[in-house]
């Protein structure tokens, strides 16, 4: 399977991680903000336990020290986190590394870190967090993909299943999904629809 999988939900709780793993989702990112070191380590440890003995790859957002200590395999950093992280320690621990980008300068910074994938966003307006970056639009995906070459490109930000075909056609290797799952009236059905869609495109 590609890394990350073509359908890549981003959630903020252990309950969501368990739910998605039970539905057979291949890649899940856990993004919970503003935890102290002890709480972060507990969260990461519990999340890894939740996906144990499932095929689900768990990507930890931000808490790179906790990820190393708990034995996680996958990490995602935003630009602010990247600036403070010890890349040598992360790579030495064998963690894969995904990085967020929003503009040309951030892409250059990300490429210099030799990541396993690069995320571009927000593609569309997003309601979940106020963004200091304007929506990128679909043409930016094609431009970014040319620039990152063989590095997998993840599109994120306000994307719904109905837009997935166009996003993939523009060059995205994966789509990170937040509100289309977590705020959907029937999240399980929506997840199954995403999984069916990406299976057809495989």
C-alpha atoms as a PDB file:
ATOM      1  CA  UNK A   1       0.000   0.000   0.000  1.00  0.00           C
ATOM      2  CA  UNK A   2       1.148   3.558  -0.600  1.00  0.00           C
ATOM      3  CA  UNK A   3       2.164   5.703   2.343  1.00  0.00           C
ATOM      4  CA  UNK A   4       0.098   7.429   3.391  1.00  0.00           C
ATOM      5  CA  UNK A   5      -2.993   5.678   2.008  1.00  0.00           C
ATOM      6  CA  UNK A   6      -5.018   7.588  -0.558  1.00  0.00           C
ATOM      7  CA  UNK A   7      -7.753   8.196   2.028  1.00  0.00           C
ATOM      8  CA  UNK A   8      -6.133   9.722   5.096  1.00  0.00           C
ATOM      9  CA  UNK A   9      -8.464  10.872   7.913  1.00  0.00           C
ATOM     10  CA  UNK A  10      -7.198  13.291  10.563  1.00  0.00           C
ATOM     11  CA  UNK A  11      -8.896  13.031  13.964  1.00  0.00           C
ATOM     12  CA  UNK A  12      -8.466  14.384  17.482  1.00  0.00           C
ATOM     13  CA  UNK A  13      -9.285  11.522  19.856  1.00  0.00           C
ATOM     14  CA  UNK A  14      -8.574   7.885  20.685  1.00  0.00           C
ATOM     15  CA  UNK A  15     -12.264   7.130  20.159  1.00  0.00           C
ATOM     16  CA  UNK A  16     -12.005   8.251  16.549  1.00  0.00           C
ATOM     17  CA  UNK A  17      -8.786   6.292  16.022  1.00  0.00           C
ATOM     18  CA  UNK A  18     -10.486   3.107  17.295  1.00  0.00           C
ATOM     19  CA  UNK A  19     -13.569   3.732  15.181  1.00  0.00           C
ATOM     20  CA  UNK A  20     -11.588   4.248  11.980  1.00  0.00           C
ATOM     21  CA  UNK A  21      -9.313   1.281  12.621  1.00  0.00           C
ATOM     22  CA  UNK A  22     -12.398  -0.910  13.100  1.00  0.00           C
ATOM     23  CA  UNK A  23     -13.684   0.287   9.716  1.00  0.00           C
ATOM     24  CA  UNK A  24     -10.439  -0.769   8.049  1.00  0.00           C
ATOM     25  CA  UNK A  25      -8.895   2.653   7.394  1.00  0.00           C
ATOM     26  CA  UNK A  26      -5.240   2.225   6.429  1.00  0.00           C
ATOM     27  CA  UNK A  27      -3.778   5.534   7.614  1.00  0.00           C
ATOM     28  CA  UNK A  28      -5.058   7.746  10.443  1.00  0.00           C
ATOM     29  CA  UNK A  29      -3.474  10.888  11.858  1.00  0.00           C
ATOM     30  CA  UNK A  30      -4.047  11.784  15.501  1.00  0.00           C
ATOM     31  CA  UNK A  31      -3.948  15.535  15.934  1.00  0.00           C
ATOM     32  CA  UNK A  32      -4.660  16.740  19.476  1.00  0.00           C
ATOM     33  CA  UNK A  33      -3.317  20.144  20.396  1.00  0.00           C
ATOM     34  CA  UNK A  34      -1.874  21.831  23.489  1.00  0.00           C
ATOM     35  CA  UNK A  35      -0.983  18.801  25.607  1.00  0.00           C
ATOM     36  CA  UNK A  36       1.874  18.798  28.084  1.00  0.00           C
ATOM     37  CA  UNK A  37       4.579  16.145  27.763  1.00  0.00           C
ATOM     38  CA  UNK A  38       2.929  13.685  30.152  1.00  0.00           C
ATOM     39  CA  UNK A  39      -0.496  13.947  28.542  1.00  0.00           C
ATOM     40  CA  UNK A  40       1.025  13.692  25.056  1.00  0.00           C
ATOM     41  CA  UNK A  41       2.891  10.512  25.965  1.00  0.00           C
ATOM     42  CA  UNK A  42      -0.266   8.984  27.458  1.00  0.00           C
ATOM     43  CA  UNK A  43      -2.273   9.895  24.368  1.00  0.00           C
ATOM     44  CA  UNK A  44       0.277   8.462  21.956  1.00  0.00           C
ATOM     45  CA  UNK A  45       0.662   5.283  24.025  1.00  0.00           C
ATOM     46  CA  UNK A  46      -3.112   4.758  24.172  1.00  0.00           C
ATOM     47  CA  UNK A  47      -3.513   5.492  20.468  1.00  0.00           C
ATOM     48  CA  UNK A  48      -0.838   2.971  19.524  1.00  0.00           C
ATOM     49  CA  UNK A  49      -2.598   0.407  21.707  1.00  0.00           C
ATOM     50  CA  UNK A  50      -5.847   1.189  19.868  1.00  0.00           C
ATOM     51  CA  UNK A  51      -4.361   0.251  16.476  1.00  0.00           C
ATOM     52  CA  UNK A  52      -2.305  -2.722  17.687  1.00  0.00           C
ATOM     53  CA  UNK A  53      -3.118  -5.874  15.719  1.00  0.00           C
ATOM     54  CA  UNK A  54      -4.925  -3.839  13.050  1.00  0.00           C
ATOM     55  CA  UNK A  55      -3.550  -2.862   9.617  1.00  0.00           C
ATOM     56  CA  UNK A  56      -3.994   0.826  10.494  1.00  0.00           C
ATOM     57  CA  UNK A  57      -0.895   3.020  10.372  1.00  0.00           C
ATOM     58  CA  UNK A  58      -1.081   5.700  13.069  1.00  0.00           C
ATOM     59  CA  UNK A  59       0.552   9.050  12.326  1.00  0.00           C
ATOM     60  CA  UNK A  60       1.233  11.245  15.341  1.00  0.00           C
ATOM     61  CA  UNK A  61       0.891  14.987  14.817  1.00  0.00           C
ATOM     62  CA  UNK A  62       3.352  17.282  16.567  1.00  0.00           C
ATOM     63  CA  UNK A  63       4.441  15.272  19.607  1.00  0.00           C
ATOM     64  CA  UNK A  64       7.690  13.900  18.222  1.00  0.00           C
ATOM     65  CA  UNK A  65       9.312  13.214  21.597  1.00  0.00           C
ATOM     66  CA  UNK A  66       6.268  11.252  22.780  1.00  0.00           C
ATOM     67  CA  UNK A  67       6.185   9.424  19.442  1.00  0.00           C
ATOM     68  CA  UNK A  68       9.791   8.295  19.892  1.00  0.00           C
ATOM     69  CA  UNK A  69       9.355   7.252  23.529  1.00  0.00           C
ATOM     70  CA  UNK A  70       6.105   5.371  22.858  1.00  0.00           C
ATOM     71  CA  UNK A  71       7.515   3.577  19.834  1.00  0.00           C
ATOM     72  CA  UNK A  72       5.385   5.161  17.141  1.00  0.00           C
ATOM     73  CA  UNK A  73       6.470   4.687  13.530  1.00  0.00           C
ATOM     74  CA  UNK A  74       4.934   7.697  11.818  1.00  0.00           C
ATOM     75  CA  UNK A  75       5.053  11.438  12.510  1.00  0.00           C
ATOM     76  CA  UNK A  76       3.563  14.591  10.981  1.00  0.00           C
ATOM     77  CA  UNK A  77       4.848  18.074  11.737  1.00  0.00           C
ATOM     78  CA  UNK A  78       3.584  21.531  10.910  1.00  0.00           C
ATOM     79  CA  UNK A  79       6.098  24.218  10.071  1.00  0.00           C
ATOM     80  CA  UNK A  80       6.207  25.616  13.602  1.00  0.00           C
ATOM     81  CA  UNK A  81       6.748  22.123  15.019  1.00  0.00           C
ATOM     82  CA  UNK A  82       9.408  21.409  12.410  1.00  0.00           C
ATOM     83  CA  UNK A  83      11.386  24.476  13.440  1.00  0.00           C
ATOM     84  CA  UNK A  84      11.621  23.146  16.998  1.00  0.00           C
ATOM     85  CA  UNK A  85      12.059  19.446  16.263  1.00  0.00           C
ATOM     86  CA  UNK A  86      15.297  17.457  16.268  1.00  0.00           C
ATOM     87  CA  UNK A  87      15.224  15.923  12.788  1.00  0.00           C
ATOM     88  CA  UNK A  88      18.300  13.817  13.446  1.00  0.00           C
ATOM     89  CA  UNK A  89      16.682  12.262  16.508  1.00  0.00           C
ATOM     90  CA  UNK A  90      13.423  11.679  14.598  1.00  0.00           C
ATOM     91  CA  UNK A  91      15.187   9.976  11.686  1.00  0.00           C
ATOM     92  CA  UNK A  92      17.462   7.999  14.018  1.00  0.00           C
ATOM     93  CA  UNK A  93      14.368   6.617  15.741  1.00  0.00           C
ATOM     94  CA  UNK A  94      13.162   5.336  12.368  1.00  0.00           C
ATOM     95  CA  UNK A  95      10.049   7.503  12.190  1.00  0.00           C
ATOM     96  CA  UNK A  96       8.572   8.406   8.849  1.00  0.00           C
ATOM     97  CA  UNK A  97       8.031  12.152   8.525  1.00  0.00           C
ATOM     98  CA  UNK A  98       5.227  14.083   6.842  1.00  0.00           C
ATOM     99  CA  UNK A  99       5.296  17.872   6.688  1.00  0.00           C
ATOM    100  CA  UNK A 100       2.669  20.598   6.172  1.00  0.00           C
ATOM    101  CA  UNK A 101       3.214  23.316   3.580  1.00  0.00           C
ATOM    102  CA  UNK A 102       1.183  26.386   2.645  1.00  0.00           C
ATOM    103  CA  UNK A 103       3.459  28.495   0.436  1.00  0.00           C
ATOM    104  CA  UNK A 104       6.704  28.418  -1.546  1.00  0.00           C
ATOM    105  CA  UNK A 105       8.957  29.200   1.396  1.00  0.00           C
ATOM    106  CA  UNK A 106       7.418  26.425   3.463  1.00  0.00           C
ATOM    107  CA  UNK A 107       7.801  23.981   0.584  1.00  0.00           C
ATOM    108  CA  UNK A 108      11.515  24.774   0.362  1.00  0.00           C
ATOM    109  CA  UNK A 109      11.859  24.267   4.128  1.00  0.00           C
ATOM    110  CA  UNK A 110       9.985  20.978   3.912  1.00  0.00           C
ATOM    111  CA  UNK A 111      11.996  19.625   0.987  1.00  0.00           C
ATOM    112  CA  UNK A 112      15.233  20.395   2.838  1.00  0.00           C
ATOM    113  CA  UNK A 113      14.074  18.065   5.632  1.00  0.00           C
ATOM    114  CA  UNK A 114      13.834  15.090   3.225  1.00  0.00           C
ATOM    115  CA  UNK A 115      10.271  14.112   4.243  1.00  0.00           C
ATOM    116  CA  UNK A 116       8.385  10.935   3.392  1.00  0.00           C
ATOM    117  CA  UNK A 117       5.431  12.995   2.179  1.00  0.00           C
ATOM    118  CA  UNK A 118       4.405  16.639   1.857  1.00  0.00           C
ATOM    119  CA  UNK A 119       0.942  17.996   2.626  1.00  0.00           C
ATOM    120  CA  UNK A 120      -0.430  21.043   0.788  1.00  0.00           C
ATOM    121  CA  UNK A 121      -3.334  23.021   2.158  1.00  0.00           C
ATOM    122  CA  UNK A 122      -5.840  24.305   2.616  1.00  0.00           C
ATOM    123  CA  UNK A 123      -7.142  23.377  -0.834  1.00  0.00           C
ATOM    124  CA  UNK A 124     -10.591  24.785  -0.055  1.00  0.00           C
ATOM    125  CA  UNK A 125     -11.876  27.060   2.733  1.00  0.00           C
ATOM    126  CA  UNK A 126     -11.898  25.133   5.998  1.00  0.00           C
ATOM    127  CA  UNK A 127     -14.189  25.620   8.968  1.00  0.00           C
ATOM    128  CA  UNK A 128     -12.246  23.676  11.576  1.00  0.00           C
ATOM    129  CA  UNK A 129      -9.455  26.106  12.259  1.00  0.00           C
ATOM    130  CA  UNK A 130      -8.818  29.668  11.200  1.00  0.00           C
ATOM    131  CA  UNK A 131      -6.112  29.618   8.557  1.00  0.00           C
ATOM    132  CA  UNK A 132      -3.706  32.444   7.936  1.00  0.00           C
ATOM    133  CA  UNK A 133      -3.301  31.097   4.409  1.00  0.00           C
ATOM    134  CA  UNK A 134      -5.836  31.570   1.642  1.00  0.00           C
ATOM    135  CA  UNK A 135      -7.290  28.481  -0.050  1.00  0.00           C
ATOM    136  CA  UNK A 136      -4.775  27.063  -2.525  1.00  0.00           C
ATOM    137  CA  UNK A 137      -7.206  25.774  -5.133  1.00  0.00           C
ATOM    138  CA  UNK A 138      -6.874  22.642  -7.236  1.00  0.00           C
ATOM    139  CA  UNK A 139      -4.369  23.993  -9.846  1.00  0.00           C
ATOM    140  CA  UNK A 140      -1.815  24.442  -7.038  1.00  0.00           C
ATOM    141  CA  UNK A 141      -1.854  20.659  -6.515  1.00  0.00           C
ATOM    142  CA  UNK A 142      -0.574  20.106 -10.053  1.00  0.00           C
ATOM    143  CA  UNK A 143       2.128  22.739  -9.628  1.00  0.00           C
ATOM    144  CA  UNK A 144       3.236  21.353  -6.250  1.00  0.00           C
ATOM    145  CA  UNK A 145       3.318  17.757  -7.558  1.00  0.00           C
ATOM    146  CA  UNK A 146       5.705  18.776 -10.331  1.00  0.00           C
ATOM    147  CA  UNK A 147       7.949  20.364  -7.730  1.00  0.00           C
ATOM    148  CA  UNK A 148       7.988  17.507  -5.224  1.00  0.00           C
ATOM    149  CA  UNK A 149       8.500  14.809  -7.849  1.00  0.00           C
ATOM    150  CA  UNK A 150       8.447  11.329  -6.368  1.00  0.00           C
ATOM    151  CA  UNK A 151       7.589  12.485  -2.838  1.00  0.00           C
ATOM    152  CA  UNK A 152       3.926  11.655  -2.121  1.00  0.00           C
ATOM    153  CA  UNK A 153       1.711  14.755  -2.086  1.00  0.00           C
ATOM    154  CA  UNK A 154      -1.204  14.944   0.330  1.00  0.00           C
ATOM    155  CA  UNK A 155      -3.998  17.446  -0.309  1.00  0.00           C
ATOM    156  CA  UNK A 156      -5.795  18.750   2.793  1.00  0.00           C
ATOM    157  CA  UNK A 157      -8.368  21.365   3.689  1.00  0.00           C
ATOM    158  CA  UNK A 158     -12.122  21.353   3.213  1.00  0.00           C
ATOM    159  CA  UNK A 159     -12.106  18.374   0.828  1.00  0.00           C
ATOM    160  CA  UNK A 160     -15.229  16.257   0.438  1.00  0.00           C
ATOM    161  CA  UNK A 161     -15.613  12.903  -1.280  1.00  0.00           C
ATOM    162  CA  UNK A 162     -17.432  14.562  -4.178  1.00  0.00           C
ATOM    163  CA  UNK A 163     -14.228  16.491  -4.998  1.00  0.00           C
ATOM    164  CA  UNK A 164     -11.840  13.553  -4.630  1.00  0.00           C
ATOM    165  CA  UNK A 165     -11.751  12.546  -8.291  1.00  0.00           C
ATOM    166  CA  UNK A 166     -10.720  16.044  -9.334  1.00  0.00           C
ATOM    167  CA  UNK A 167      -8.114  16.259  -6.553  1.00  0.00           C
ATOM    168  CA  UNK A 168      -6.490  12.977  -7.559  1.00  0.00           C
ATOM    169  CA  UNK A 169      -6.613  13.934 -11.228  1.00  0.00           C
ATOM    170  CA  UNK A 170      -4.734  17.142 -10.389  1.00  0.00           C
ATOM    171  CA  UNK A 171      -1.840  15.101  -9.010  1.00  0.00           C
ATOM    172  CA  UNK A 172      -2.510  14.427  -5.333  1.00  0.00           C
ATOM    173  CA  UNK A 173      -1.362  11.017  -4.145  1.00  0.00           C
ATOM    174  CA  UNK A 174      -3.470  11.142  -0.997  1.00  0.00           C
ATOM    175  CA  UNK A 175      -6.310  13.198   0.477  1.00  0.00           C
ATOM    176  CA  UNK A 176      -6.340  14.098   4.153  1.00  0.00           C
ATOM    177  CA  UNK A 177      -9.920  14.372   5.355  1.00  0.00           C
ATOM    178  CA  UNK A 178     -11.170  16.001   8.533  1.00  0.00           C
ATOM    179  CA  UNK A 179     -14.686  17.454   8.637  1.00  0.00           C
ATOM    180  CA  UNK A 180     -16.059  15.259   5.821  1.00  0.00           C
ATOM    181  CA  UNK A 181     -15.715  12.388   8.296  1.00  0.00           C
ATOM    182  CA  UNK A 182     -15.870  13.879  11.780  1.00  0.00           C
ATOM    183  CA  UNK A 183     -18.759  16.254  11.101  1.00  0.00           C
ATOM    184  CA  UNK A 184     -20.695  13.925   8.827  1.00  0.00           C
ATOM    185  CA  UNK A 185     -24.156  12.869  10.067  1.00  0.00           C
ATOM    186  CA  UNK A 186     -23.174   9.222   9.368  1.00  0.00           C
ATOM    187  CA  UNK A 187     -19.390   9.033   9.682  1.00  0.00           C
ATOM    188  CA  UNK A 188     -19.178   5.256   9.273  1.00  0.00           C
ATOM    189  CA  UNK A 189     -21.088   5.319   5.996  1.00  0.00           C
ATOM    190  CA  UNK A 190     -18.955   8.196   4.770  1.00  0.00           C
ATOM    191  CA  UNK A 191     -15.752   6.350   5.622  1.00  0.00           C
ATOM    192  CA  UNK A 192     -16.990   3.258   3.768  1.00  0.00           C
ATOM    193  CA  UNK A 193     -17.822   5.413   0.751  1.00  0.00           C
ATOM    194  CA  UNK A 194     -14.297   6.873   0.784  1.00  0.00           C
ATOM    195  CA  UNK A 195     -12.755   3.405   1.115  1.00  0.00           C
ATOM    196  CA  UNK A 196     -14.890   2.099  -1.758  1.00  0.00           C
ATOM    197  CA  UNK A 197     -13.907   5.064  -3.905  1.00  0.00           C
ATOM    198  CA  UNK A 198     -10.160   4.705  -3.380  1.00  0.00           C
ATOM    199  CA  UNK A 199     -10.364   0.928  -3.831  1.00  0.00           C
ATOM    200  CA  UNK A 200     -11.953   1.461  -7.236  1.00  0.00           C
ATOM    201  CA  UNK A 201      -9.160   3.861  -8.187  1.00  0.00           C
ATOM    202  CA  UNK A 202      -6.379   1.565  -6.977  1.00  0.00           C
END
